[in-house]
C-alpha atoms as a PDB file:
ATOM      1  CA  UNK A   1       0.144  -0.025  -0.012  1.00  0.00           C
ATOM      2  CA  UNK A   2       1.576   3.126  -0.802  1.00  0.00           C
ATOM      3  CA  UNK A   3       1.342   5.474   1.926  1.00  0.00           C
ATOM      4  CA  UNK A   4       0.064   9.122   0.877  1.00  0.00           C
ATOM      5  CA  UNK A   5       3.328  12.255   1.605  1.00  0.00           C
ATOM      6  CA  UNK A   6       2.303  15.087   2.547  1.00  0.00           C
ATOM      7  CA  UNK A   7       3.159  17.379   5.482  1.00  0.00           C
ATOM      8  CA  UNK A   8       1.313  20.748   7.538  1.00  0.00           C
ATOM      9  CA  UNK A   9       2.963  23.624   9.841  1.00  0.00           C
ATOM     10  CA  UNK A  10       1.411  27.000  11.487  1.00  0.00           C
ATOM     11  CA  UNK A  11       1.824  29.812   9.115  1.00  0.00           C
ATOM     12  CA  UNK A  12       4.288  32.427  10.032  1.00  0.00           C
ATOM     13  CA  UNK A  13       1.763  34.978   8.720  1.00  0.00           C
ATOM     14  CA  UNK A  14      -0.606  35.595  11.699  1.00  0.00           C
ATOM     15  CA  UNK A  15      -2.901  38.505   9.605  1.00  0.00           C
ATOM     16  CA  UNK A  16      -6.404  36.028   9.180  1.00  0.00           C
ATOM     17  CA  UNK A  17      -7.960  38.940   6.082  1.00  0.00           C
ATOM     18  CA  UNK A  18      -4.563  38.007   4.559  1.00  0.00           C
ATOM     19  CA  UNK A  19      -4.277  33.554   5.176  1.00  0.00           C
ATOM     20  CA  UNK A  20      -7.705  33.908   4.070  1.00  0.00           C
ATOM     21  CA  UNK A  21      -6.574  35.370   0.410  1.00  0.00           C
ATOM     22  CA  UNK A  22      -4.210  32.470  -0.446  1.00  0.00           C
ATOM     23  CA  UNK A  23      -6.911  29.518   0.110  1.00  0.00           C
ATOM     24  CA  UNK A  24      -4.551  26.665   1.060  1.00  0.00           C
ATOM     25  CA  UNK A  25      -4.999  23.229   2.080  1.00  0.00           C
ATOM     26  CA  UNK A  26      -6.087  23.047   5.638  1.00  0.00           C
ATOM     27  CA  UNK A  27      -6.045  21.056   9.426  1.00  0.00           C
ATOM     28  CA  UNK A  28      -7.167  23.536  11.579  1.00  0.00           C
ATOM     29  CA  UNK A  29      -4.641  27.103  11.844  1.00  0.00           C
ATOM     30  CA  UNK A  30      -2.236  24.647   9.893  1.00  0.00           C
ATOM     31  CA  UNK A  31      -1.139  25.184   6.215  1.00  0.00           C
ATOM     32  CA  UNK A  32      -1.121  20.908   4.227  1.00  0.00           C
ATOM     33  CA  UNK A  33       0.890  19.743   1.560  1.00  0.00           C
ATOM     34  CA  UNK A  34       4.450  19.015   0.807  1.00  0.00           C
ATOM     35  CA  UNK A  35       7.720  20.698   2.781  1.00  0.00           C
ATOM     36  CA  UNK A  36      10.262  22.153   1.081  1.00  0.00           C
ATOM     37  CA  UNK A  37      12.565  24.695   3.529  1.00  0.00           C
ATOM     38  CA  UNK A  38       9.840  26.338   5.341  1.00  0.00           C
ATOM     39  CA  UNK A  39       7.020  26.048   2.910  1.00  0.00           C
ATOM     40  CA  UNK A  40       3.662  24.218   2.726  1.00  0.00           C
ATOM     41  CA  UNK A  41       3.454  24.011  -0.932  1.00  0.00           C
ATOM     42  CA  UNK A  42       0.521  22.789  -2.514  1.00  0.00           C
ATOM     43  CA  UNK A  43      -0.198  20.786  -5.523  1.00  0.00           C
ATOM     44  CA  UNK A  44       1.291  21.741  -9.192  1.00  0.00           C
ATOM     45  CA  UNK A  45      -0.710  23.165 -11.847  1.00  0.00           C
ATOM     46  CA  UNK A  46       1.412  23.990 -13.936  1.00  0.00           C
ATOM     47  CA  UNK A  47       4.715  22.454 -15.087  1.00  0.00           C
ATOM     48  CA  UNK A  48       7.117  23.618 -18.170  1.00  0.00           C
ATOM     49  CA  UNK A  49      10.455  23.353 -18.887  1.00  0.00           C
ATOM     50  CA  UNK A  50      11.120  27.405 -17.527  1.00  0.00           C
ATOM     51  CA  UNK A  51       8.793  27.079 -14.137  1.00  0.00           C
ATOM     52  CA  UNK A  52       6.770  25.079 -11.856  1.00  0.00           C
ATOM     53  CA  UNK A  53       3.701  26.388 -10.569  1.00  0.00           C
ATOM     54  CA  UNK A  54       1.970  25.164  -7.387  1.00  0.00           C
ATOM     55  CA  UNK A  55      -1.694  25.917  -6.038  1.00  0.00           C
ATOM     56  CA  UNK A  56       0.087  28.082  -2.943  1.00  0.00           C
ATOM     57  CA  UNK A  57       2.682  28.931  -0.991  1.00  0.00           C
ATOM     58  CA  UNK A  58       2.593  29.494   2.923  1.00  0.00           C
ATOM     59  CA  UNK A  59       5.468  29.892   4.825  1.00  0.00           C
ATOM     60  CA  UNK A  60       5.459  27.913   7.959  1.00  0.00           C
ATOM     61  CA  UNK A  61       7.135  27.724  11.072  1.00  0.00           C
ATOM     62  CA  UNK A  62      10.129  25.059  10.555  1.00  0.00           C
ATOM     63  CA  UNK A  63       9.250  24.300  14.623  1.00  0.00           C
ATOM     64  CA  UNK A  64       6.116  23.306  13.873  1.00  0.00           C
ATOM     65  CA  UNK A  65       6.456  20.697  10.845  1.00  0.00           C
ATOM     66  CA  UNK A  66       5.136  17.690  11.324  1.00  0.00           C
ATOM     67  CA  UNK A  67       4.875  14.666   8.807  1.00  0.00           C
ATOM     68  CA  UNK A  68       1.322  12.265   8.083  1.00  0.00           C
ATOM     69  CA  UNK A  69       1.326   8.876   9.308  1.00  0.00           C
ATOM     70  CA  UNK A  70      -0.915   7.425   6.973  1.00  0.00           C
ATOM     71  CA  UNK A  71      -3.292   6.351   9.616  1.00  0.00           C
ATOM     72  CA  UNK A  72      -6.391   8.368  10.958  1.00  0.00           C
ATOM     73  CA  UNK A  73      -8.303   8.211  14.368  1.00  0.00           C
ATOM     74  CA  UNK A  74     -11.196   6.874  15.636  1.00  0.00           C
ATOM     75  CA  UNK A  75     -13.304   9.329  14.557  1.00  0.00           C
ATOM     76  CA  UNK A  76     -11.655   9.370  10.588  1.00  0.00           C
ATOM     77  CA  UNK A  77      -8.858  12.657  11.277  1.00  0.00           C
ATOM     78  CA  UNK A  78      -5.929  12.629  10.069  1.00  0.00           C
ATOM     79  CA  UNK A  79      -2.967  12.034  12.259  1.00  0.00           C
ATOM     80  CA  UNK A  80       0.234  14.137  12.163  1.00  0.00           C
ATOM     81  CA  UNK A  81       3.378  13.988  14.077  1.00  0.00           C
ATOM     82  CA  UNK A  82       3.276  16.221  16.671  1.00  0.00           C
ATOM     83  CA  UNK A  83      -1.225  15.390  17.884  1.00  0.00           C
ATOM     84  CA  UNK A  84      -1.666  14.843  21.090  1.00  0.00           C
ATOM     85  CA  UNK A  85      -3.901  11.797  21.498  1.00  0.00           C
ATOM     86  CA  UNK A  86      -6.081  10.100  24.311  1.00  0.00           C
ATOM     87  CA  UNK A  87      -5.217   6.452  23.238  1.00  0.00           C
ATOM     88  CA  UNK A  88      -8.267   5.549  24.772  1.00  0.00           C
ATOM     89  CA  UNK A  89      -6.600   4.153  28.627  1.00  0.00           C
ATOM     90  CA  UNK A  90      -7.280   5.720  32.193  1.00  0.00           C
ATOM     91  CA  UNK A  91      -4.261   5.557  34.983  1.00  0.00           C
ATOM     92  CA  UNK A  92      -3.928   4.265  38.172  1.00  0.00           C
ATOM     93  CA  UNK A  93      -5.271   7.511  39.523  1.00  0.00           C
ATOM     94  CA  UNK A  94      -8.590   7.399  36.859  1.00  0.00           C
ATOM     95  CA  UNK A  95      -7.156  10.477  34.418  1.00  0.00           C
ATOM     96  CA  UNK A  96      -7.098  10.264  30.607  1.00  0.00           C
ATOM     97  CA  UNK A  97      -3.258   8.922  29.019  1.00  0.00           C
ATOM     98  CA  UNK A  98      -3.020  10.986  26.746  1.00  0.00           C
ATOM     99  CA  UNK A  99       0.728  10.893  24.742  1.00  0.00           C
ATOM    100  CA  UNK A 100       2.169  12.954  21.577  1.00  0.00           C
ATOM    101  CA  UNK A 101       2.617  11.958  18.197  1.00  0.00           C
ATOM    102  CA  UNK A 102       6.139  10.638  17.208  1.00  0.00           C
ATOM    103  CA  UNK A 103       8.787   8.991  15.163  1.00  0.00           C
ATOM    104  CA  UNK A 104      10.515   5.869  16.745  1.00  0.00           C
ATOM    105  CA  UNK A 105      14.235   6.238  16.891  1.00  0.00           C
ATOM    106  CA  UNK A 106      14.314   2.494  17.537  1.00  0.00           C
ATOM    107  CA  UNK A 107      10.825   1.060  16.788  1.00  0.00           C
ATOM    108  CA  UNK A 108      10.336   1.318  13.050  1.00  0.00           C
ATOM    109  CA  UNK A 109       7.088   3.680  12.794  1.00  0.00           C
ATOM    110  CA  UNK A 110       5.423   6.106  14.013  1.00  0.00           C
ATOM    111  CA  UNK A 111       4.693   5.914  18.048  1.00  0.00           C
ATOM    112  CA  UNK A 112       3.001   6.913  21.505  1.00  0.00           C
ATOM    113  CA  UNK A 113       5.653   8.206  24.134  1.00  0.00           C
ATOM    114  CA  UNK A 114       3.981   8.617  27.723  1.00  0.00           C
ATOM    115  CA  UNK A 115       5.546  12.000  29.192  1.00  0.00           C
ATOM    116  CA  UNK A 116       8.761  10.542  28.359  1.00  0.00           C
ATOM    117  CA  UNK A 117       8.001   7.555  30.978  1.00  0.00           C
ATOM    118  CA  UNK A 118       9.154   4.638  28.692  1.00  0.00           C
ATOM    119  CA  UNK A 119       5.781   3.753  28.165  1.00  0.00           C
ATOM    120  CA  UNK A 120       5.757   2.865  24.355  1.00  0.00           C
ATOM    121  CA  UNK A 121       2.451   1.968  22.503  1.00  0.00           C
ATOM    122  CA  UNK A 122       2.531   1.911  18.388  1.00  0.00           C
ATOM    123  CA  UNK A 123      -0.055   3.923  17.575  1.00  0.00           C
ATOM    124  CA  UNK A 124      -3.424   2.567  16.861  1.00  0.00           C
ATOM    125  CA  UNK A 125      -7.056   3.371  15.006  1.00  0.00           C
ATOM    126  CA  UNK A 126      -8.120   3.123  18.628  1.00  0.00           C
ATOM    127  CA  UNK A 127      -5.981   7.143  19.468  1.00  0.00           C
ATOM    128  CA  UNK A 128      -8.363  10.140  19.166  1.00  0.00           C
ATOM    129  CA  UNK A 129      -6.773  13.449  18.522  1.00  0.00           C
ATOM    130  CA  UNK A 130      -7.019  15.390  20.931  1.00  0.00           C
ATOM    131  CA  UNK A 131      -5.074  18.673  20.420  1.00  0.00           C
ATOM    132  CA  UNK A 132      -1.445  19.435  19.138  1.00  0.00           C
ATOM    133  CA  UNK A 133       1.641  19.915  21.026  1.00  0.00           C
ATOM    134  CA  UNK A 134       2.125  23.513  19.581  1.00  0.00           C
ATOM    135  CA  UNK A 135      -0.968  24.974  19.930  1.00  0.00           C
ATOM    136  CA  UNK A 136      -2.011  22.710  23.124  1.00  0.00           C
ATOM    137  CA  UNK A 137       0.983  21.691  25.441  1.00  0.00           C
ATOM    138  CA  UNK A 138      -0.315  22.056  28.562  1.00  0.00           C
ATOM    139  CA  UNK A 139      -2.460  18.912  27.561  1.00  0.00           C
ATOM    140  CA  UNK A 140       0.608  17.004  28.754  1.00  0.00           C
ATOM    141  CA  UNK A 141       1.573  18.815  31.091  1.00  0.00           C
ATOM    142  CA  UNK A 142       2.094  16.158  34.556  1.00  0.00           C
ATOM    143  CA  UNK A 143       0.280  17.347  37.587  1.00  0.00           C
ATOM    144  CA  UNK A 144       2.736  17.821  40.334  1.00  0.00           C
END
């Protein structure tokens, strides 16, 4: 099965009118498409030996770029690196277990890291995306 390769990132421009004018593919506040050197780029609409014209290009914060995993959560939403997911379990205190989606260095494929506690779980369709590490970092804060 061929996996769709695409990325998302938060635009550096914060002017809502300007962003609405660009008319780019979105996932919430994120631009979605191909990624190249600080830009999310749409599909090619015209090309010749002299130039290539994409549907759109949007400057994004490089630190917010995440790749599509090829998977969907239990609501059919696409899952990207940097998403925070509810893995459908509760801890011993009865609180939901939330984890960021990352690419595992020692485990092939996308995995969940449960707050650096050494608990790793493969990403499954039973997960539910509830936010992302860029817009909702408070979801991963541990109470002391």
